[in-house]
N, C-alpha and C. Protein backbone atom coordinates (compact mmCIF):
# COMPACT_ATOMS: atom_id res chain seq x y z
N MET A 1 35.57 7.34 47.41
CA MET A 1 34.24 6.77 47.34
C MET A 1 33.37 7.42 48.42
N ILE A 2 32.26 7.96 47.99
CA ILE A 2 31.32 8.59 48.93
C ILE A 2 30.32 7.54 49.41
N PRO A 3 30.11 7.42 50.71
CA PRO A 3 29.15 6.43 51.23
C PRO A 3 27.75 6.68 50.69
N ILE A 4 26.98 5.60 50.57
CA ILE A 4 25.62 5.65 50.01
C ILE A 4 24.76 6.70 50.71
N ALA A 5 24.69 6.66 52.02
CA ALA A 5 23.81 7.59 52.76
C ALA A 5 24.19 9.03 52.47
N GLU A 6 25.47 9.30 52.41
CA GLU A 6 25.94 10.66 52.12
C GLU A 6 25.63 11.05 50.67
N ALA A 7 25.80 10.11 49.75
CA ALA A 7 25.53 10.38 48.34
C ALA A 7 24.06 10.70 48.10
N LEU A 8 23.18 10.10 48.89
CA LEU A 8 21.74 10.28 48.69
C LEU A 8 21.12 11.32 49.62
N ALA A 9 21.93 12.03 50.36
CA ALA A 9 21.42 12.96 51.38
C ALA A 9 20.52 14.06 50.83
N ASP A 10 20.72 14.47 49.59
CA ASP A 10 19.98 15.62 49.05
C ASP A 10 18.98 15.25 47.95
N ILE A 11 18.43 14.04 47.97
CA ILE A 11 17.51 13.64 46.89
C ILE A 11 16.07 14.07 47.14
N GLY A 12 15.77 14.62 48.32
CA GLY A 12 14.43 15.10 48.58
C GLY A 12 13.49 14.08 49.18
N ALA A 13 14.03 12.95 49.64
CA ALA A 13 13.25 11.91 50.31
C ALA A 13 14.10 11.32 51.42
N PRO A 14 13.46 10.77 52.46
CA PRO A 14 14.24 10.14 53.54
C PRO A 14 15.05 8.96 53.00
N VAL A 15 16.27 8.80 53.53
CA VAL A 15 17.16 7.69 53.17
C VAL A 15 17.56 7.00 54.46
N SER A 16 17.46 5.66 54.47
CA SER A 16 17.73 4.91 55.70
C SER A 16 18.27 3.53 55.34
N SER A 17 19.13 3.00 56.23
CA SER A 17 19.43 1.57 56.11
C SER A 17 18.14 0.85 56.50
N VAL A 18 18.03 -0.41 56.12
CA VAL A 18 16.80 -1.14 56.45
C VAL A 18 16.76 -1.47 57.93
N PRO A 19 15.61 -1.50 58.55
CA PRO A 19 14.31 -1.13 58.00
C PRO A 19 14.05 0.37 58.16
N TYR A 20 13.24 0.91 57.25
CA TYR A 20 12.82 2.30 57.34
C TYR A 20 11.71 2.39 58.39
N ARG A 21 11.84 3.29 59.33
CA ARG A 21 10.86 3.39 60.41
C ARG A 21 10.07 4.70 60.37
N GLY A 22 10.22 5.46 59.31
CA GLY A 22 9.51 6.73 59.19
C GLY A 22 8.09 6.55 58.68
N THR A 23 7.48 7.67 58.37
CA THR A 23 6.08 7.65 57.94
C THR A 23 5.89 8.29 56.57
N GLU A 24 6.95 8.69 55.90
CA GLU A 24 6.83 9.34 54.59
C GLU A 24 6.35 8.34 53.54
N ASP A 25 5.62 8.85 52.56
CA ASP A 25 5.11 8.03 51.47
C ASP A 25 6.23 7.56 50.54
N ALA A 26 7.19 8.42 50.29
CA ALA A 26 8.32 8.10 49.42
C ALA A 26 9.60 8.08 50.26
N PHE A 27 10.37 7.01 50.12
CA PHE A 27 11.62 6.88 50.86
C PHE A 27 12.54 5.90 50.16
N VAL A 28 13.81 5.89 50.58
CA VAL A 28 14.83 5.02 50.00
C VAL A 28 15.52 4.26 51.11
N THR A 29 15.71 2.95 50.90
CA THR A 29 16.49 2.15 51.85
C THR A 29 17.69 1.55 51.14
N TYR A 30 18.69 1.17 51.93
CA TYR A 30 19.88 0.53 51.36
C TYR A 30 20.41 -0.51 52.33
N GLN A 31 21.09 -1.52 51.79
CA GLN A 31 21.77 -2.51 52.61
C GLN A 31 22.87 -3.18 51.79
N CYS A 32 23.95 -3.52 52.46
CA CYS A 32 25.08 -4.18 51.80
C CYS A 32 24.66 -5.60 51.42
N ILE A 33 24.96 -5.99 50.17
CA ILE A 33 24.64 -7.34 49.74
C ILE A 33 25.89 -8.15 49.42
N GLY A 34 27.06 -7.53 49.54
CA GLY A 34 28.28 -8.32 49.38
C GLY A 34 29.51 -7.50 49.03
N GLN A 35 30.65 -8.13 49.27
CA GLN A 35 31.94 -7.58 48.89
C GLN A 35 32.72 -8.68 48.19
N THR A 36 33.58 -8.28 47.27
CA THR A 36 34.39 -9.26 46.56
C THR A 36 35.71 -8.62 46.17
N GLY A 37 36.75 -9.43 46.13
CA GLY A 37 38.04 -8.94 45.69
C GLY A 37 38.01 -8.56 44.23
N GLN A 38 38.57 -7.41 43.89
CA GLN A 38 38.59 -6.92 42.51
C GLN A 38 39.98 -7.02 41.89
N ILE A 39 40.99 -6.68 42.67
CA ILE A 39 42.37 -6.70 42.19
C ILE A 39 43.23 -7.39 43.25
N TYR A 40 44.12 -8.27 42.78
CA TYR A 40 45.03 -8.97 43.69
C TYR A 40 46.46 -8.69 43.26
N ALA A 41 47.32 -8.51 44.24
CA ALA A 41 48.74 -8.28 43.97
C ALA A 41 49.55 -9.08 44.97
N GLU A 42 50.51 -9.84 44.48
CA GLU A 42 51.38 -10.66 45.32
C GLU A 42 50.58 -11.54 46.28
N GLY A 43 49.49 -12.11 45.75
CA GLY A 43 48.69 -13.04 46.54
C GLY A 43 47.78 -12.39 47.57
N MET A 44 47.70 -11.07 47.56
CA MET A 44 46.87 -10.36 48.54
C MET A 44 45.81 -9.54 47.80
N GLU A 45 44.66 -9.38 48.44
CA GLU A 45 43.63 -8.53 47.86
C GLU A 45 44.07 -7.08 47.95
N ALA A 46 44.13 -6.40 46.81
CA ALA A 46 44.57 -5.00 46.77
C ALA A 46 43.41 -4.03 46.64
N GLU A 47 42.28 -4.52 46.14
CA GLU A 47 41.11 -3.65 45.99
C GLU A 47 39.85 -4.49 46.16
N THR A 48 38.92 -3.94 46.91
CA THR A 48 37.66 -4.63 47.20
C THR A 48 36.51 -3.91 46.51
N GLY A 49 35.61 -4.67 45.95
CA GLY A 49 34.38 -4.13 45.39
C GLY A 49 33.25 -4.39 46.36
N VAL A 50 32.27 -3.52 46.36
CA VAL A 50 31.14 -3.67 47.26
C VAL A 50 29.85 -3.46 46.47
N ALA A 51 28.80 -4.17 46.87
CA ALA A 51 27.50 -4.04 46.21
C ALA A 51 26.43 -3.76 47.27
N TYR A 52 25.54 -2.85 46.94
CA TYR A 52 24.43 -2.49 47.82
C TYR A 52 23.11 -2.62 47.08
N ALA A 53 22.09 -3.09 47.79
CA ALA A 53 20.73 -3.03 47.30
C ALA A 53 20.18 -1.67 47.72
N VAL A 54 19.63 -0.94 46.76
CA VAL A 54 19.03 0.37 47.03
C VAL A 54 17.59 0.28 46.53
N ASP A 55 16.64 0.44 47.45
CA ASP A 55 15.23 0.30 47.11
C ASP A 55 14.50 1.62 47.27
N ILE A 56 13.72 1.95 46.26
CA ILE A 56 12.93 3.19 46.23
C ILE A 56 11.48 2.79 46.43
N PHE A 57 10.83 3.36 47.42
CA PHE A 57 9.42 3.09 47.70
C PHE A 57 8.63 4.38 47.51
N THR A 58 7.51 4.30 46.82
CA THR A 58 6.68 5.48 46.61
C THR A 58 5.25 5.09 46.29
N GLY A 59 4.33 5.93 46.70
CA GLY A 59 2.92 5.71 46.39
C GLY A 59 2.56 6.17 44.99
N GLY A 60 3.40 6.96 44.38
CA GLY A 60 3.17 7.44 43.01
C GLY A 60 4.17 6.78 42.08
N SER A 61 4.52 7.50 41.04
CA SER A 61 5.51 7.00 40.09
C SER A 61 6.89 6.99 40.74
N TYR A 62 7.61 5.89 40.57
CA TYR A 62 8.96 5.77 41.11
C TYR A 62 9.98 6.48 40.22
N VAL A 63 9.64 6.79 38.99
CA VAL A 63 10.60 7.27 38.00
C VAL A 63 11.31 8.56 38.42
N PRO A 64 10.60 9.63 38.86
CA PRO A 64 11.32 10.85 39.22
C PRO A 64 12.35 10.64 40.34
N LEU A 65 11.98 9.86 41.35
CA LEU A 65 12.91 9.61 42.45
C LEU A 65 14.05 8.70 42.00
N MET A 66 13.77 7.73 41.13
CA MET A 66 14.82 6.85 40.63
C MET A 66 15.85 7.65 39.84
N ILE A 67 15.41 8.59 39.06
CA ILE A 67 16.34 9.43 38.29
C ILE A 67 17.26 10.19 39.23
N LYS A 68 16.71 10.75 40.31
CA LYS A 68 17.54 11.46 41.29
C LYS A 68 18.51 10.52 42.00
N VAL A 69 18.03 9.34 42.39
CA VAL A 69 18.88 8.36 43.09
C VAL A 69 20.03 7.93 42.19
N LYS A 70 19.73 7.54 40.95
CA LYS A 70 20.78 7.10 40.04
C LYS A 70 21.80 8.20 39.79
N ALA A 71 21.33 9.43 39.57
CA ALA A 71 22.24 10.55 39.31
C ALA A 71 23.14 10.82 40.51
N ALA A 72 22.56 10.78 41.71
CA ALA A 72 23.34 11.03 42.94
C ALA A 72 24.38 9.93 43.16
N LEU A 73 23.99 8.68 42.95
CA LEU A 73 24.93 7.57 43.13
C LEU A 73 26.06 7.65 42.10
N GLU A 74 25.72 7.90 40.86
CA GLU A 74 26.74 7.96 39.82
C GLU A 74 27.69 9.14 40.03
N ALA A 75 27.17 10.26 40.51
CA ALA A 75 28.03 11.41 40.81
C ALA A 75 28.99 11.11 41.95
N ALA A 76 28.61 10.17 42.82
CA ALA A 76 29.44 9.79 43.97
C ALA A 76 30.37 8.62 43.66
N GLY A 77 30.39 8.15 42.41
CA GLY A 77 31.31 7.09 42.02
C GLY A 77 30.73 5.69 42.00
N TRP A 78 29.43 5.54 42.19
CA TRP A 78 28.77 4.24 42.17
C TRP A 78 28.22 3.97 40.77
N ILE A 79 28.08 2.70 40.42
CA ILE A 79 27.37 2.31 39.21
C ILE A 79 26.04 1.75 39.68
N ALA A 80 24.94 2.34 39.22
CA ALA A 80 23.61 1.93 39.68
C ALA A 80 22.80 1.38 38.51
N THR A 81 22.22 0.20 38.71
CA THR A 81 21.39 -0.41 37.69
C THR A 81 20.04 -0.79 38.29
N LEU A 82 19.00 -0.64 37.50
CA LEU A 82 17.66 -1.02 37.93
C LEU A 82 17.50 -2.52 37.73
N ASP A 83 17.09 -3.22 38.80
CA ASP A 83 16.93 -4.67 38.73
C ASP A 83 15.48 -5.08 38.54
N ALA A 84 14.56 -4.43 39.25
CA ALA A 84 13.15 -4.84 39.18
C ALA A 84 12.27 -3.73 39.72
N VAL A 85 11.01 -3.76 39.29
CA VAL A 85 9.99 -2.86 39.82
C VAL A 85 8.80 -3.74 40.20
N GLN A 86 8.28 -3.50 41.39
CA GLN A 86 7.12 -4.25 41.88
C GLN A 86 6.07 -3.27 42.38
N TYR A 87 4.83 -3.72 42.35
CA TYR A 87 3.75 -2.91 42.91
C TYR A 87 2.97 -3.77 43.89
N SER A 88 2.70 -3.22 45.07
CA SER A 88 1.92 -3.91 46.09
C SER A 88 0.53 -3.29 46.15
N ASP A 89 -0.49 -4.07 45.80
CA ASP A 89 -1.87 -3.59 45.91
C ASP A 89 -2.24 -3.33 47.36
N ASP A 90 -1.76 -4.19 48.27
CA ASP A 90 -2.08 -4.05 49.69
C ASP A 90 -1.60 -2.70 50.24
N LYS A 91 -0.38 -2.34 49.89
CA LYS A 91 0.21 -1.10 50.40
C LYS A 91 0.01 0.08 49.44
N ARG A 92 -0.47 -0.20 48.22
CA ARG A 92 -0.59 0.82 47.18
C ARG A 92 0.74 1.55 47.01
N GLN A 93 1.77 0.75 46.82
CA GLN A 93 3.12 1.28 46.81
C GLN A 93 3.96 0.59 45.74
N SER A 94 4.75 1.39 45.01
CA SER A 94 5.71 0.85 44.06
C SER A 94 7.06 0.71 44.75
N GLN A 95 7.81 -0.31 44.33
CA GLN A 95 9.17 -0.51 44.83
C GLN A 95 10.07 -0.74 43.63
N ALA A 96 11.04 0.14 43.46
CA ALA A 96 12.05 -0.01 42.42
C ALA A 96 13.34 -0.45 43.10
N SER A 97 13.89 -1.58 42.67
CA SER A 97 15.10 -2.13 43.29
C SER A 97 16.29 -1.93 42.38
N LEU A 98 17.31 -1.27 42.92
CA LEU A 98 18.55 -1.02 42.19
C LEU A 98 19.70 -1.74 42.88
N THR A 99 20.74 -2.00 42.12
CA THR A 99 22.00 -2.46 42.69
C THR A 99 23.03 -1.39 42.42
N ALA A 100 23.75 -0.99 43.47
CA ALA A 100 24.83 -0.01 43.36
C ALA A 100 26.14 -0.71 43.65
N ILE A 101 27.08 -0.62 42.73
CA ILE A 101 28.38 -1.28 42.92
C ILE A 101 29.50 -0.26 42.78
N ALA A 102 30.59 -0.54 43.47
CA ALA A 102 31.77 0.32 43.36
C ALA A 102 33.01 -0.51 43.68
N ALA A 103 34.09 -0.20 43.02
CA ALA A 103 35.38 -0.82 43.31
C ALA A 103 36.17 0.11 44.21
N GLY A 104 37.00 -0.47 45.03
CA GLY A 104 37.84 0.33 45.91
C GLY A 104 37.12 0.83 47.14
N ALA A 105 35.97 0.27 47.43
CA ALA A 105 35.20 0.68 48.60
C ALA A 105 35.16 -0.45 49.61
N LEU A 106 35.26 -0.11 50.87
CA LEU A 106 35.15 -1.11 51.92
C LEU A 106 33.80 -1.04 52.61
N TYR A 107 33.07 0.00 52.36
CA TYR A 107 31.75 0.19 52.96
C TYR A 107 30.95 1.09 52.05
N GLY A 108 29.69 1.29 52.39
CA GLY A 108 28.87 2.17 51.57
C GLY A 108 28.14 3.11 52.43
């Protein structure tokens, strides 16, 4: 399992755990939202699943960056699904929220 930050290193936008402190218009943040046992053997957890929130922020269309993020995550062994898209008039910014899940991972 390739960690999230490493998987997204070459998408062409800054990637950071929350909070993002940079100044770029387009960026990606991530944070762990939970772990759960996936497989149990002899009363012990044998495999752990992990879920991460991955958020794409951009002043333009989120679609090109989302395509890169999803492709990079899936190539690294994550399953990424789009949960919601929001637009902030105040910030003039779109936010696409994805969930990335993987089994057999202890971290992302």
